[in-house]
Amino acid sequence: MATSSVGTGGWADVSGDDVTASAIADRACHHCALIKVAGRSHRPKDLPADKGRDG
């Protein structure tokens, strides 16, 4: 399993090389299912201050 906050279309901007980013995306996405998760983050650092880190 792998996760990314950047869509595969933006990988070239992150890596700085269109060809390399395309090859990585092609190999990473071969025989897999892509699931786009939308909505609020459940990461502790993104929780409102009143909820705290422990919930």
N, C-alpha and C. Protein backbone atom coordinates (compact mmCIF):
# COMPACT_ATOMS: atom_id res chain seq x y z
N MET A 1 0.84 -1.16 0.00
CA MET A 1 0.00 0.00 0.00
C MET A 1 0.90 1.23 0.00
N ALA A 2 0.47 2.24 -0.71
CA ALA A 2 1.17 3.52 -0.74
C ALA A 2 0.15 4.64 -0.70
N THR A 3 0.51 5.72 -0.08
CA THR A 3 -0.36 6.88 -0.05
C THR A 3 0.41 8.11 -0.50
N SER A 4 -0.31 9.08 -1.02
CA SER A 4 0.31 10.31 -1.47
C SER A 4 -0.69 11.44 -1.34
N SER A 5 -0.22 12.60 -0.95
CA SER A 5 -1.09 13.77 -0.92
C SER A 5 -1.05 14.51 -2.26
N VAL A 6 -0.27 13.98 -3.19
CA VAL A 6 -0.16 14.56 -4.53
C VAL A 6 -0.66 13.52 -5.52
N GLY A 7 -1.56 13.93 -6.40
CA GLY A 7 -2.06 13.02 -7.43
C GLY A 7 -0.95 12.66 -8.41
N THR A 8 -1.12 11.55 -9.13
CA THR A 8 -0.09 11.10 -10.05
C THR A 8 0.23 12.16 -11.11
N GLY A 9 -0.73 13.01 -11.44
CA GLY A 9 -0.48 14.07 -12.40
C GLY A 9 0.50 15.12 -11.89
N GLY A 10 0.66 15.22 -10.59
CA GLY A 10 1.57 16.20 -10.00
C GLY A 10 2.92 15.64 -9.62
N TRP A 11 3.16 14.37 -9.88
CA TRP A 11 4.42 13.75 -9.50
C TRP A 11 5.61 14.34 -10.25
N ALA A 12 5.40 14.81 -11.48
CA ALA A 12 6.49 15.42 -12.24
C ALA A 12 6.95 16.71 -11.56
N ASP A 13 6.02 17.45 -11.00
CA ASP A 13 6.39 18.69 -10.30
C ASP A 13 7.21 18.37 -9.06
N VAL A 14 6.88 17.29 -8.38
CA VAL A 14 7.59 16.90 -7.16
C VAL A 14 8.98 16.37 -7.50
N SER A 15 9.06 15.51 -8.51
CA SER A 15 10.34 14.87 -8.85
C SER A 15 11.22 15.77 -9.72
N GLY A 16 10.60 16.67 -10.47
CA GLY A 16 11.37 17.54 -11.35
C GLY A 16 11.68 16.93 -12.70
N ASP A 17 11.16 15.74 -12.98
CA ASP A 17 11.44 15.06 -14.24
C ASP A 17 10.18 14.34 -14.72
N ASP A 18 9.64 14.80 -15.85
CA ASP A 18 8.41 14.22 -16.39
C ASP A 18 8.54 12.73 -16.72
N VAL A 19 9.64 12.34 -17.34
CA VAL A 19 9.82 10.95 -17.78
C VAL A 19 9.93 10.02 -16.58
N THR A 20 10.72 10.40 -15.59
CA THR A 20 10.88 9.57 -14.40
C THR A 20 9.57 9.45 -13.63
N ALA A 21 8.87 10.57 -13.47
CA ALA A 21 7.59 10.56 -12.76
C ALA A 21 6.58 9.68 -13.48
N SER A 22 6.56 9.74 -14.80
CA SER A 22 5.64 8.91 -15.57
C SER A 22 5.97 7.43 -15.41
N ALA A 23 7.24 7.09 -15.42
CA ALA A 23 7.65 5.69 -15.27
C ALA A 23 7.29 5.17 -13.87
N ILE A 24 7.52 5.99 -12.85
CA ILE A 24 7.19 5.58 -11.48
C ILE A 24 5.68 5.40 -11.34
N ALA A 25 4.90 6.35 -11.85
CA ALA A 25 3.44 6.25 -11.76
C ALA A 25 2.94 5.01 -12.51
N ASP A 26 3.51 4.73 -13.67
CA ASP A 26 3.11 3.57 -14.46
C ASP A 26 3.35 2.28 -13.70
N ARG A 27 4.51 2.15 -13.09
CA ARG A 27 4.84 0.93 -12.36
C ARG A 27 4.10 0.82 -11.03
N ALA A 28 3.89 1.94 -10.38
CA ALA A 28 3.19 1.94 -9.09
C ALA A 28 1.70 1.62 -9.27
N CYS A 29 1.14 2.03 -10.38
CA CYS A 29 -0.30 1.88 -10.60
C CYS A 29 -0.67 0.63 -11.41
N HIS A 30 0.32 -0.12 -11.87
CA HIS A 30 0.05 -1.33 -12.65
C HIS A 30 -0.54 -2.41 -11.74
N HIS A 31 -1.65 -2.98 -12.13
CA HIS A 31 -2.33 -4.02 -11.34
C HIS A 31 -2.72 -3.55 -9.94
N CYS A 32 -3.21 -2.34 -9.83
CA CYS A 32 -3.65 -1.87 -8.52
C CYS A 32 -4.96 -1.10 -8.67
N ALA A 33 -5.52 -0.74 -7.56
CA ALA A 33 -6.73 0.08 -7.54
C ALA A 33 -6.38 1.41 -6.91
N LEU A 34 -6.76 2.48 -7.57
CA LEU A 34 -6.55 3.82 -7.02
C LEU A 34 -7.82 4.24 -6.30
N ILE A 35 -7.67 4.69 -5.09
CA ILE A 35 -8.82 5.14 -4.29
C ILE A 35 -8.57 6.58 -3.89
N LYS A 36 -9.45 7.47 -4.32
CA LYS A 36 -9.33 8.87 -3.95
C LYS A 36 -10.20 9.10 -2.72
N VAL A 37 -9.59 9.58 -1.67
CA VAL A 37 -10.29 9.85 -0.42
C VAL A 37 -10.49 11.35 -0.31
N ALA A 38 -11.72 11.76 -0.18
CA ALA A 38 -12.03 13.18 -0.04
C ALA A 38 -12.62 13.43 1.35
N GLY A 39 -12.47 14.61 1.82
CA GLY A 39 -13.02 14.95 3.12
C GLY A 39 -11.95 15.42 4.08
N ARG A 40 -12.33 15.55 5.32
CA ARG A 40 -11.42 16.03 6.35
C ARG A 40 -10.35 15.00 6.68
N SER A 41 -9.20 15.49 7.05
CA SER A 41 -8.10 14.62 7.46
C SER A 41 -8.36 14.06 8.84
N HIS A 42 -7.88 12.86 9.07
CA HIS A 42 -7.98 12.24 10.39
C HIS A 42 -6.63 12.23 11.08
N ARG A 43 -5.66 12.94 10.53
CA ARG A 43 -4.34 13.02 11.12
C ARG A 43 -4.40 13.89 12.37
N PRO A 44 -3.74 13.48 13.44
CA PRO A 44 -3.77 14.25 14.69
C PRO A 44 -3.34 15.71 14.52
N LYS A 45 -2.36 15.98 13.65
CA LYS A 45 -1.90 17.35 13.49
C LYS A 45 -2.95 18.24 12.84
N ASP A 46 -3.96 17.65 12.17
CA ASP A 46 -4.98 18.42 11.49
C ASP A 46 -6.27 18.54 12.29
N LEU A 47 -6.32 17.94 13.47
CA LEU A 47 -7.52 18.03 14.29
C LEU A 47 -7.65 19.42 14.91
N PRO A 48 -8.87 19.87 15.17
CA PRO A 48 -9.03 21.15 15.85
C PRO A 48 -8.34 21.13 17.22
N ALA A 49 -7.88 22.28 17.67
CA ALA A 49 -7.12 22.37 18.92
C ALA A 49 -7.93 21.89 20.12
N ASP A 50 -9.26 22.10 20.14
CA ASP A 50 -10.08 21.71 21.29
C ASP A 50 -10.22 20.20 21.43
N LYS A 51 -9.99 19.44 20.35
CA LYS A 51 -10.08 17.98 20.43
C LYS A 51 -8.79 17.38 20.97
N GLY A 52 -7.68 18.08 20.80
CA GLY A 52 -6.40 17.56 21.29
C GLY A 52 -5.91 16.40 20.46
N ARG A 53 -4.77 15.90 20.81
CA ARG A 53 -4.15 14.80 20.07
C ARG A 53 -4.70 13.45 20.49
N ASP A 54 -5.29 13.35 21.66
CA ASP A 54 -5.77 12.06 22.14
C ASP A 54 -7.25 11.81 21.85
N GLY A 55 -7.91 12.78 21.22
CA GLY A 55 -9.31 12.60 20.84
C GLY A 55 -10.21 13.02 21.92
